[in-house]
Amino acid sequence: MAVPVPPAPARNPRLEPAHVILRPLVTEKGLHRANRHNAYSFQVATEATKADIRHAIEVLFTVRVDKVAVQNRRGKVRRGKVRKTMTKPWKKAIVYLKPDFKINLF
């Protein structure tokens, strides 16, 4: 008996790969992840899905993605002299690559 194959996850047709990835997150923890686990962190568009992120990384960096983990980060409260404001909420993606591939950020 054949096992049914699930359909591919839907991508957002309005997002181009260059609009999905906003910037790489270069931190100590991120560099440690990149060296040890072949995982890279990026700030991505808030409306991007895991399928959008996977496709954008594969197209922009010509690598093969193994797994994508996504975090929705809350904005922080900032205090001014007169009033409190909030920074914008943002989305962080941790992209794990196949063992044969690397991304040179520097």
PDB file of N, CA and C in Angstrom:
ATOM      1  N   MET A   1       0.840  -1.176   0.000  1.00  0.00           N
ATOM      2  CA  MET A   1       0.000   0.000   0.000  1.00  0.00           C
ATOM      3  C   MET A   1       0.888   1.243   0.000  1.00  0.00           C
ATOM      4  N   ALA A   2       0.610   2.149  -0.879  1.00  0.00           N
ATOM      5  CA  ALA A   2       1.411   3.364  -1.009  1.00  0.00           C
ATOM      6  C   ALA A   2       1.024   4.377   0.074  1.00  0.00           C
ATOM      7  N   VAL A   3       2.027   5.064   0.576  1.00  0.00           N
ATOM      8  CA  VAL A   3       1.811   6.095   1.579  1.00  0.00           C
ATOM      9  C   VAL A   3       1.556   7.416   0.860  1.00  0.00           C
ATOM     10  N   PRO A   4       0.465   8.120   1.200  1.00  0.00           N
ATOM     11  CA  PRO A   4       0.208   9.390   0.506  1.00  0.00           C
ATOM     12  C   PRO A   4       1.246  10.444   0.865  1.00  0.00           C
ATOM     13  N   VAL A   5       1.640  11.203  -0.122  1.00  0.00           N
ATOM     14  CA  VAL A   5       2.625  12.269   0.063  1.00  0.00           C
ATOM     15  C   VAL A   5       1.878  13.564   0.363  1.00  0.00           C
ATOM     16  N   PRO A   6       2.237  14.244   1.464  1.00  0.00           N
ATOM     17  CA  PRO A   6       1.539  15.494   1.769  1.00  0.00           C
ATOM     18  C   PRO A   6       1.885  16.571   0.739  1.00  0.00           C
ATOM     19  N   PRO A   7       0.959  17.495   0.487  1.00  0.00           N
ATOM     20  CA  PRO A   7       1.253  18.558  -0.487  1.00  0.00           C
ATOM     21  C   PRO A   7       2.324  19.511   0.044  1.00  0.00           C
ATOM     22  N   ALA A   8       3.002  20.153  -0.888  1.00  0.00           N
ATOM     23  CA  ALA A   8       4.033  21.124  -0.506  1.00  0.00           C
ATOM     24  C   ALA A   8       3.372  22.304   0.202  1.00  0.00           C
ATOM     25  N   PRO A   9       4.038  22.877   1.229  1.00  0.00           N
ATOM     26  CA  PRO A   9       3.441  24.017   1.923  1.00  0.00           C
ATOM     27  C   PRO A   9       3.288  25.215   0.992  1.00  0.00           C
ATOM     28  N   ALA A  10       2.214  25.954   1.207  1.00  0.00           N
ATOM     29  CA  ALA A  10       1.907  27.085   0.332  1.00  0.00           C
ATOM     30  C   ALA A  10       2.839  28.251   0.620  1.00  0.00           C
ATOM     31  N   ARG A  11       3.292  28.905  -0.460  1.00  0.00           N
ATOM     32  CA  ARG A  11       4.128  30.102  -0.331  1.00  0.00           C
ATOM     33  C   ARG A  11       3.286  31.320  -0.640  1.00  0.00           C
ATOM     34  N   ASN A  12       3.700  32.445  -0.079  1.00  0.00           N
ATOM     35  CA  ASN A  12       3.020  33.709  -0.312  1.00  0.00           C
ATOM     36  C   ASN A  12       3.467  34.243  -1.675  1.00  0.00           C
ATOM     37  N   PRO A  13       2.563  34.355  -2.660  1.00  0.00           N
ATOM     38  CA  PRO A  13       2.987  34.779  -4.001  1.00  0.00           C
ATOM     39  C   PRO A  13       3.418  36.241  -4.072  1.00  0.00           C
ATOM     40  N   ARG A  14       3.036  37.063  -3.085  1.00  0.00           N
ATOM     41  CA  ARG A  14       3.396  38.481  -3.119  1.00  0.00           C
ATOM     42  C   ARG A  14       4.822  38.737  -2.674  1.00  0.00           C
ATOM     43  N   LEU A  15       5.461  37.774  -1.983  1.00  0.00           N
ATOM     44  CA  LEU A  15       6.800  37.990  -1.439  1.00  0.00           C
ATOM     45  C   LEU A  15       7.866  37.435  -2.379  1.00  0.00           C
ATOM     46  N   GLU A  16       8.756  38.289  -2.799  1.00  0.00           N
ATOM     47  CA  GLU A  16       9.913  37.852  -3.581  1.00  0.00           C
ATOM     48  C   GLU A  16      11.015  37.456  -2.601  1.00  0.00           C
ATOM     49  N   PRO A  17      11.959  36.613  -3.001  1.00  0.00           N
ATOM     50  CA  PRO A  17      13.019  36.189  -2.076  1.00  0.00           C
ATOM     51  C   PRO A  17      13.796  37.352  -1.457  1.00  0.00           C
ATOM     52  N   ALA A  18      14.012  38.418  -2.208  1.00  0.00           N
ATOM     53  CA  ALA A  18      14.759  39.560  -1.665  1.00  0.00           C
ATOM     54  C   ALA A  18      13.963  40.327  -0.620  1.00  0.00           C
ATOM     55  N   HIS A  19      12.632  40.190  -0.625  1.00  0.00           N
ATOM     56  CA  HIS A  19      11.795  40.879   0.345  1.00  0.00           C
ATOM     57  C   HIS A  19      11.550  40.041   1.594  1.00  0.00           C
ATOM     58  N   VAL A  20      11.861  38.759   1.548  1.00  0.00           N
ATOM     59  CA  VAL A  20      11.638  37.881   2.696  1.00  0.00           C
ATOM     60  C   VAL A  20      12.746  38.064   3.729  1.00  0.00           C
ATOM     61  N   ILE A  21      14.005  38.008   3.291  1.00  0.00           N
ATOM     62  CA  ILE A  21      15.150  38.121   4.192  1.00  0.00           C
ATOM     63  C   ILE A  21      15.494  39.596   4.349  1.00  0.00           C
ATOM     64  N   LEU A  22      15.349  40.125   5.576  1.00  0.00           N
ATOM     65  CA  LEU A  22      15.633  41.543   5.803  1.00  0.00           C
ATOM     66  C   LEU A  22      17.105  41.777   6.135  1.00  0.00           C
ATOM     67  N   ARG A  23      17.675  40.954   7.037  1.00  0.00           N
ATOM     68  CA  ARG A  23      19.097  41.095   7.374  1.00  0.00           C
ATOM     69  C   ARG A  23      19.549  39.870   8.147  1.00  0.00           C
ATOM     70  N   PRO A  24      20.830  39.540   8.062  1.00  0.00           N
ATOM     71  CA  PRO A  24      21.354  38.461   8.914  1.00  0.00           C
ATOM     72  C   PRO A  24      21.557  38.980  10.332  1.00  0.00           C
ATOM     73  N   LEU A  25      21.374  38.127  11.305  1.00  0.00           N
ATOM     74  CA  LEU A  25      21.603  38.478  12.705  1.00  0.00           C
ATOM     75  C   LEU A  25      22.966  37.935  13.105  1.00  0.00           C
ATOM     76  N   VAL A  26      23.939  38.826  13.209  1.00  0.00           N
ATOM     77  CA  VAL A  26      25.309  38.431  13.532  1.00  0.00           C
ATOM     78  C   VAL A  26      25.547  38.708  15.010  1.00  0.00           C
ATOM     79  N   THR A  27      25.498  37.656  15.821  1.00  0.00           N
ATOM     80  CA  THR A  27      25.728  37.749  17.253  1.00  0.00           C
ATOM     81  C   THR A  27      26.696  36.645  17.660  1.00  0.00           C
ATOM     82  N   GLU A  28      27.143  36.672  18.893  1.00  0.00           N
ATOM     83  CA  GLU A  28      28.024  35.603  19.380  1.00  0.00           C
ATOM     84  C   GLU A  28      27.320  34.259  19.316  1.00  0.00           C
ATOM     85  N   LYS A  29      26.089  34.238  19.766  1.00  0.00           N
ATOM     86  CA  LYS A  29      25.334  32.991  19.763  1.00  0.00           C
ATOM     87  C   LYS A  29      25.092  32.504  18.331  1.00  0.00           C
ATOM     88  N   GLY A  30      24.822  33.441  17.428  1.00  0.00           N
ATOM     89  CA  GLY A  30      24.597  33.087  16.037  1.00  0.00           C
ATOM     90  C   GLY A  30      25.846  32.538  15.374  1.00  0.00           C
ATOM     91  N   LEU A  31      26.999  33.124  15.663  1.00  0.00           N
ATOM     92  CA  LEU A  31      28.255  32.614  15.098  1.00  0.00           C
ATOM     93  C   LEU A  31      28.589  31.239  15.657  1.00  0.00           C
ATOM     94  N   HIS A  32      28.290  31.018  16.933  1.00  0.00           N
ATOM     95  CA  HIS A  32      28.504  29.705  17.533  1.00  0.00           C
ATOM     96  C   HIS A  32      27.620  28.661  16.842  1.00  0.00           C
ATOM     97  N   ARG A  33      26.342  29.028  16.611  1.00  0.00           N
ATOM     98  CA  ARG A  33      25.426  28.117  15.912  1.00  0.00           C
ATOM     99  C   ARG A  33      25.910  27.822  14.497  1.00  0.00           C
ATOM    100  N   ALA A  34      26.438  28.848  13.832  1.00  0.00           N
ATOM    101  CA  ALA A  34      26.893  28.665  12.450  1.00  0.00           C
ATOM    102  C   ALA A  34      28.091  27.724  12.394  1.00  0.00           C
ATOM    103  N   ASN A  35      29.028  27.877  13.317  1.00  0.00           N
ATOM    104  CA  ASN A  35      30.229  27.039  13.310  1.00  0.00           C
ATOM    105  C   ASN A  35      29.952  25.615  13.770  1.00  0.00           C
ATOM    106  N   ARG A  36      29.147  25.466  14.805  1.00  0.00           N
ATOM    107  CA  ARG A  36      28.916  24.137  15.375  1.00  0.00           C
ATOM    108  C   ARG A  36      27.791  23.359  14.698  1.00  0.00           C
ATOM    109  N   HIS A  37      26.689  24.046  14.394  1.00  0.00           N
ATOM    110  CA  HIS A  37      25.480  23.343  13.951  1.00  0.00           C
ATOM    111  C   HIS A  37      25.057  23.675  12.524  1.00  0.00           C
ATOM    112  N   ASN A  38      25.840  24.487  11.821  1.00  0.00           N
ATOM    113  CA  ASN A  38      25.528  24.891  10.455  1.00  0.00           C
ATOM    114  C   ASN A  38      24.136  25.540  10.381  1.00  0.00           C
ATOM    115  N   ALA A  39      23.852  26.427  11.363  1.00  0.00           N
ATOM    116  CA  ALA A  39      22.568  27.118  11.436  1.00  0.00           C
ATOM    117  C   ALA A  39      22.812  28.622  11.424  1.00  0.00           C
ATOM    118  N   TYR A  40      22.010  29.343  10.671  1.00  0.00           N
ATOM    119  CA  TYR A  40      22.189  30.780  10.496  1.00  0.00           C
ATOM    120  C   TYR A  40      20.902  31.500  10.868  1.00  0.00           C
ATOM    121  N   SER A  41      21.024  32.678  11.497  1.00  0.00           N
ATOM    122  CA  SER A  41      19.871  33.453  11.955  1.00  0.00           C
ATOM    123  C   SER A  41      19.645  34.652  11.046  1.00  0.00           C
ATOM    124  N   PHE A  42      18.380  34.925  10.759  1.00  0.00           N
ATOM    125  CA  PHE A  42      18.008  36.050   9.910  1.00  0.00           C
ATOM    126  C   PHE A  42      16.776  36.737  10.482  1.00  0.00           C
ATOM    127  N   GLN A  43      16.700  38.044  10.279  1.00  0.00           N
ATOM    128  CA  GLN A  43      15.451  38.752  10.530  1.00  0.00           C
ATOM    129  C   GLN A  43      14.676  38.684   9.230  1.00  0.00           C
ATOM    130  N   VAL A  44      13.412  38.260   9.317  1.00  0.00           N
ATOM    131  CA  VAL A  44      12.616  38.046   8.110  1.00  0.00           C
ATOM    132  C   VAL A  44      11.336  38.872   8.188  1.00  0.00           C
ATOM    133  N   ALA A  45      10.651  38.983   7.067  1.00  0.00           N
ATOM    134  CA  ALA A  45       9.378  39.710   7.009  1.00  0.00           C
ATOM    135  C   ALA A  45       8.352  39.003   7.893  1.00  0.00           C
ATOM    136  N   THR A  46       7.522  39.770   8.567  1.00  0.00           N
ATOM    137  CA  THR A  46       6.580  39.183   9.525  1.00  0.00           C
ATOM    138  C   THR A  46       5.524  38.312   8.851  1.00  0.00           C
ATOM    139  N   GLU A  47       5.209  38.568   7.593  1.00  0.00           N
ATOM    140  CA  GLU A  47       4.192  37.762   6.904  1.00  0.00           C
ATOM    141  C   GLU A  47       4.779  36.540   6.192  1.00  0.00           C
ATOM    142  N   ALA A  48       6.093  36.334   6.280  1.00  0.00           N
ATOM    143  CA  ALA A  48       6.749  35.203   5.617  1.00  0.00           C
ATOM    144  C   ALA A  48       6.485  33.904   6.380  1.00  0.00           C
ATOM    145  N   THR A  49       6.258  32.835   5.634  1.00  0.00           N
ATOM    146  CA  THR A  49       6.065  31.514   6.216  1.00  0.00           C
ATOM    147  C   THR A  49       7.379  30.738   6.148  1.00  0.00           C
ATOM    148  N   LYS A  50       7.399  29.548   6.751  1.00  0.00           N
ATOM    149  CA  LYS A  50       8.605  28.715   6.691  1.00  0.00           C
ATOM    150  C   LYS A  50       8.937  28.343   5.248  1.00  0.00           C
ATOM    151  N   ALA A  51       7.924  28.094   4.442  1.00  0.00           N
ATOM    152  CA  ALA A  51       8.149  27.759   3.029  1.00  0.00           C
ATOM    153  C   ALA A  51       8.760  28.943   2.280  1.00  0.00           C
ATOM    154  N   ASP A  52       8.286  30.164   2.576  1.00  0.00           N
ATOM    155  CA  ASP A  52       8.851  31.364   1.950  1.00  0.00           C
ATOM    156  C   ASP A  52      10.319  31.529   2.334  1.00  0.00           C
ATOM    157  N   ILE A  53      10.625  31.320   3.601  1.00  0.00           N
ATOM    158  CA  ILE A  53      11.996  31.501   4.095  1.00  0.00           C
ATOM    159  C   ILE A  53      12.920  30.470   3.469  1.00  0.00           C
ATOM    160  N   ARG A  54      12.476  29.221   3.428  1.00  0.00           N
ATOM    161  CA  ARG A  54      13.277  28.146   2.812  1.00  0.00           C
ATOM    162  C   ARG A  54      13.591  28.467   1.354  1.00  0.00           C
ATOM    163  N   HIS A  55      12.569  28.873   0.610  1.00  0.00           N
ATOM    164  CA  HIS A  55      12.754  29.187  -0.811  1.00  0.00           C
ATOM    165  C   HIS A  55      13.700  30.380  -0.992  1.00  0.00           C
ATOM    166  N   ALA A  56      13.544  31.418  -0.173  1.00  0.00           N
ATOM    167  CA  ALA A  56      14.383  32.616  -0.304  1.00  0.00           C
ATOM    168  C   ALA A  56      15.848  32.303  -0.016  1.00  0.00           C
ATOM    169  N   ILE A  57      16.129  31.527   1.021  1.00  0.00           N
ATOM    170  CA  ILE A  57      17.514  31.179   1.351  1.00  0.00           C
ATOM    171  C   ILE A  57      18.131  30.343   0.244  1.00  0.00           C
ATOM    172  N   GLU A  58      17.379  29.375  -0.269  1.00  0.00           N
ATOM    173  CA  GLU A  58      17.910  28.520  -1.334  1.00  0.00           C
ATOM    174  C   GLU A  58      18.186  29.301  -2.610  1.00  0.00           C
ATOM    175  N   VAL A  59      17.356  30.289  -2.917  1.00  0.00           N
ATOM    176  CA  VAL A  59      17.550  31.083  -4.141  1.00  0.00           C
ATOM    177  C   VAL A  59      18.670  32.107  -3.964  1.00  0.00           C
ATOM    178  N   LEU A  60      18.674  32.836  -2.838  1.00  0.00           N
ATOM    179  CA  LEU A  60      19.639  33.923  -2.663  1.00  0.00           C
ATOM    180  C   LEU A  60      21.065  33.420  -2.414  1.00  0.00           C
ATOM    181  N   PHE A  61      21.221  32.319  -1.689  1.00  0.00           N
ATOM    182  CA  PHE A  61      22.558  31.856  -1.307  1.00  0.00           C
ATOM    183  C   PHE A  61      22.982  30.577  -2.025  1.00  0.00           C
ATOM    184  N   THR A  62      22.136  30.021  -2.879  1.00  0.00           N
ATOM    185  CA  THR A  62      22.389  28.765  -3.599  1.00  0.00           C
ATOM    186  C   THR A  62      22.892  27.666  -2.660  1.00  0.00           C
ATOM    187  N   VAL A  63      22.085  27.358  -1.667  1.00  0.00           N
ATOM    188  CA  VAL A  63      22.359  26.290  -0.706  1.00  0.00           C
ATOM    189  C   VAL A  63      21.107  25.429  -0.576  1.00  0.00           C
ATOM    190  N   ARG A  64      21.229  24.299   0.119  1.00  0.00           N
ATOM    191  CA  ARG A  64      20.087  23.425   0.398  1.00  0.00           C
ATOM    192  C   ARG A  64      19.737  23.536   1.881  1.00  0.00           C
ATOM    193  N   VAL A  65      18.485  23.819   2.175  1.00  0.00           N
ATOM    194  CA  VAL A  65      18.033  24.005   3.552  1.00  0.00           C
ATOM    195  C   VAL A  65      17.518  22.680   4.095  1.00  0.00           C
ATOM    196  N   ASP A  66      17.927  22.361   5.329  1.00  0.00           N
ATOM    197  CA  ASP A  66      17.476  21.143   5.993  1.00  0.00           C
ATOM    198  C   ASP A  66      16.220  21.415   6.810  1.00  0.00           C
ATOM    199  N   LYS A  67      16.226  22.508   7.589  1.00  0.00           N
ATOM    200  CA  LYS A  67      15.124  22.794   8.508  1.00  0.00           C
ATOM    201  C   LYS A  67      15.066  24.291   8.768  1.00  0.00           C
ATOM    202  N   VAL A  68      13.869  24.796   9.056  1.00  0.00           N
ATOM    203  CA  VAL A  68      13.673  26.212   9.391  1.00  0.00           C
ATOM    204  C   VAL A  68      12.891  26.304  10.697  1.00  0.00           C
ATOM    205  N   ALA A  69      13.411  27.087  11.640  1.00  0.00           N
ATOM    206  CA  ALA A  69      12.705  27.367  12.895  1.00  0.00           C
ATOM    207  C   ALA A  69      12.399  28.864  12.933  1.00  0.00           C
ATOM    208  N   VAL A  70      11.198  29.214  13.384  1.00  0.00           N
ATOM    209  CA  VAL A  70      10.749  30.603  13.346  1.00  0.00           C
ATOM    210  C   VAL A  70      10.343  31.046  14.745  1.00  0.00           C
ATOM    211  N   GLN A  71      10.705  32.285  15.097  1.00  0.00           N
ATOM    212  CA  GLN A  71      10.305  32.880  16.375  1.00  0.00           C
ATOM    213  C   GLN A  71       9.668  34.240  16.095  1.00  0.00           C
ATOM    214  N   ASN A  72       8.524  34.482  16.709  1.00  0.00           N
ATOM    215  CA  ASN A  72       7.906  35.813  16.657  1.00  0.00           C
ATOM    216  C   ASN A  72       8.344  36.556  17.902  1.00  0.00           C
ATOM    217  N   ARG A  73       9.109  37.630  17.712  1.00  0.00           N
ATOM    218  CA  ARG A  73       9.664  38.383  18.841  1.00  0.00           C
ATOM    219  C   ARG A  73       8.774  39.580  19.143  1.00  0.00           C
ATOM    220  N   ARG A  74       8.511  39.802  20.430  1.00  0.00           N
ATOM    221  CA  ARG A  74       7.708  40.943  20.840  1.00  0.00           C
ATOM    222  C   ARG A  74       8.541  42.219  20.840  1.00  0.00           C
ATOM    223  N   GLY A  75       7.895  43.351  20.616  1.00  0.00           N
ATOM    224  CA  GLY A  75       8.580  44.626  20.700  1.00  0.00           C
ATOM    225  C   GLY A  75       8.875  44.979  22.148  1.00  0.00           C
ATOM    226  N   LYS A  76       9.928  45.757  22.364  1.00  0.00           N
ATOM    227  CA  LYS A  76      10.316  46.143  23.718  1.00  0.00           C
ATOM    228  C   LYS A  76       9.749  47.526  24.058  1.00  0.00           C
ATOM    229  N   VAL A  77       9.534  47.753  25.347  1.00  0.00           N
ATOM    230  CA  VAL A  77       9.093  49.062  25.813  1.00  0.00           C
ATOM    231  C   VAL A  77      10.318  49.961  25.939  1.00  0.00           C
ATOM    232  N   ARG A  78      10.226  51.154  25.385  1.00  0.00           N
ATOM    233  CA  ARG A  78      11.298  52.144  25.479  1.00  0.00           C
ATOM    234  C   ARG A  78      10.740  53.368  26.182  1.00  0.00           C
ATOM    235  N   ARG A  79      11.500  53.870  27.138  1.00  0.00           N
ATOM    236  CA  ARG A  79      11.032  55.033  27.892  1.00  0.00           C
ATOM    237  C   ARG A  79      11.754  56.285  27.423  1.00  0.00           C
ATOM    238  N   GLY A  80      10.982  57.305  27.154  1.00  0.00           N
ATOM    239  CA  GLY A  80      11.537  58.607  26.825  1.00  0.00           C
ATOM    240  C   GLY A  80      11.330  59.548  27.993  1.00  0.00           C
ATOM    241  N   LYS A  81      11.598  60.790  27.774  1.00  0.00           N
ATOM    242  CA  LYS A  81      11.445  61.777  28.839  1.00  0.00           C
ATOM    243  C   LYS A  81       9.970  61.993  29.190  1.00  0.00           C
ATOM    244  N   VAL A  82       9.130  61.981  28.172  1.00  0.00           N
ATOM    245  CA  VAL A  82       7.732  62.311  28.376  1.00  0.00           C
ATOM    246  C   VAL A  82       6.832  61.075  28.341  1.00  0.00           C
ATOM    247  N   ARG A  83       7.096  60.127  27.451  1.00  0.00           N
ATOM    248  CA  ARG A  83       6.167  59.009  27.264  1.00  0.00           C
ATOM    249  C   ARG A  83       6.905  57.706  26.992  1.00  0.00           C
ATOM    250  N   LYS A  84       6.166  56.612  27.071  1.00  0.00           N
ATOM    251  CA  LYS A  84       6.696  55.293  26.746  1.00  0.00           C
ATOM    252  C   LYS A  84       6.307  54.948  25.319  1.00  0.00           C
ATOM    253  N   THR A  85       7.208  54.317  24.608  1.00  0.00           N
ATOM    254  CA  THR A  85       6.920  53.852  23.256  1.00  0.00           C
ATOM    255  C   THR A  85       7.303  52.384  23.159  1.00  0.00           C
ATOM    256  N   MET A  86       6.940  51.765  22.060  1.00  0.00           N
ATOM    257  CA  MET A  86       7.253  50.353  21.835  1.00  0.00           C
ATOM    258  C   MET A  86       8.025  50.213  20.522  1.00  0.00           C
ATOM    259  N   THR A  87       9.013  49.326  20.522  1.00  0.00           N
ATOM    260  CA  THR A  87       9.641  48.967  19.257  1.00  0.00           C
ATOM    261  C   THR A  87       8.714  47.983  18.547  1.00  0.00           C
ATOM    262  N   LYS A  88       8.898  47.816  17.263  1.00  0.00           N
ATOM    263  CA  LYS A  88       8.013  46.955  16.483  1.00  0.00           C
ATOM    264  C   LYS A  88       8.293  45.482  16.775  1.00  0.00           C
ATOM    265  N   PRO A  89       7.251  44.654  16.778  1.00  0.00           N
ATOM    266  CA  PRO A  89       7.500  43.209  16.843  1.00  0.00           C
ATOM    267  C   PRO A  89       8.121  42.743  15.526  1.00  0.00           C
ATOM    268  N   TRP A  90       8.945  41.682  15.587  1.00  0.00           N
ATOM    269  CA  TRP A  90       9.634  41.208  14.396  1.00  0.00           C
ATOM    270  C   TRP A  90       9.734  39.691  14.422  1.00  0.00           C
ATOM    271  N   LYS A  91      10.142  39.126  13.309  1.00  0.00           N
ATOM    272  CA  LYS A  91      10.219  37.676  13.170  1.00  0.00           C
ATOM    273  C   LYS A  91      11.659  37.267  12.921  1.00  0.00           C
ATOM    274  N   LYS A  92      12.089  36.230  13.630  1.00  0.00           N
ATOM    275  CA  LYS A  92      13.448  35.703  13.516  1.00  0.00           C
ATOM    276  C   LYS A  92      13.370  34.287  12.965  1.00  0.00           C
ATOM    277  N   ALA A  93      14.240  33.970  12.017  1.00  0.00           N
ATOM    278  CA  ALA A  93      14.292  32.627  11.450  1.00  0.00           C
ATOM    279  C   ALA A  93      15.687  32.046  11.670  1.00  0.00           C
ATOM    280  N   ILE A  94      15.729  30.813  12.154  1.00  0.00           N
ATOM    281  CA  ILE A  94      16.990  30.079  12.272  1.00  0.00           C
ATOM    282  C   ILE A  94      16.943  28.995  11.210  1.00  0.00           C
ATOM    283  N   VAL A  95      17.878  29.073  10.263  1.00  0.00           N
ATOM    284  CA  VAL A  95      17.888  28.192   9.107  1.00  0.00           C
ATOM    285  C   VAL A  95      19.024  27.191   9.260  1.00  0.00           C
ATOM    286  N   TYR A  96      18.683  25.906   9.281  1.00  0.00           N
ATOM    287  CA  TYR A  96      19.670  24.826   9.358  1.00  0.00           C
ATOM    288  C   TYR A  96      19.932  24.331   7.946  1.00  0.00           C
ATOM    289  N   LEU A  97      21.217  24.283   7.567  1.00  0.00           N
ATOM    290  CA  LEU A  97      21.579  23.855   6.218  1.00  0.00           C
ATOM    291  C   LEU A  97      21.997  22.394   6.202  1.00  0.00           C
ATOM    292  N   LYS A  98      21.957  21.803   5.012  1.00  0.00           N
ATOM    293  CA  LYS A  98      22.467  20.441   4.830  1.00  0.00           C
ATOM    294  C   LYS A  98      23.972  20.456   5.112  1.00  0.00           C
ATOM    295  N   PRO A  99      24.554  19.330   5.520  1.00  0.00           N
ATOM    296  CA  PRO A  99      25.975  19.312   5.943  1.00  0.00           C
ATOM    297  C   PRO A  99      26.979  19.783   4.892  1.00  0.00           C
ATOM    298  N   ASP A 100      26.669  19.655   3.617  1.00  0.00           N
ATOM    299  CA  ASP A 100      27.631  20.006   2.565  1.00  0.00           C
ATOM    300  C   ASP A 100      27.672  21.499   2.242  1.00  0.00           C
ATOM    301  N   PHE A 101      26.778  22.288   2.796  1.00  0.00           N
ATOM    302  CA  PHE A 101      26.643  23.688   2.407  1.00  0.00           C
ATOM    303  C   PHE A 101      26.994  24.640   3.538  1.00  0.00           C
ATOM    304  N   LYS A 102      27.463  25.837   3.167  1.00  0.00           N
ATOM    305  CA  LYS A 102      27.777  26.903   4.123  1.00  0.00           C
ATOM    306  C   LYS A 102      27.397  28.236   3.507  1.00  0.00           C
ATOM    307  N   ILE A 103      27.145  29.231   4.372  1.00  0.00           N
ATOM    308  CA  ILE A 103      26.893  30.606   3.934  1.00  0.00           C
ATOM    309  C   ILE A 103      28.041  31.462   4.473  1.00  0.00           C
ATOM    310  N   ASN A 104      28.709  32.186   3.587  1.00  0.00           N
ATOM    311  CA  ASN A 104      29.783  33.086   4.015  1.00  0.00           C
ATOM    312  C   ASN A 104      29.182  34.479   4.225  1.00  0.00           C
ATOM    313  N   LEU A 105      29.004  34.842   5.495  1.00  0.00           N
ATOM    314  CA  LEU A 105      28.431  36.153   5.797  1.00  0.00           C
ATOM    315  C   LEU A 105      29.503  37.243   5.832  1.00  0.00           C
ATOM    316  N   PHE A 106      30.767  36.875   5.967  1.00  0.00           N
ATOM    317  CA  PHE A 106      31.844  37.857   6.039  1.00  0.00           C
ATOM    318  C   PHE A 106      32.762  37.733   4.866  1.00  0.00           C
TER     319      PHE A 106
END
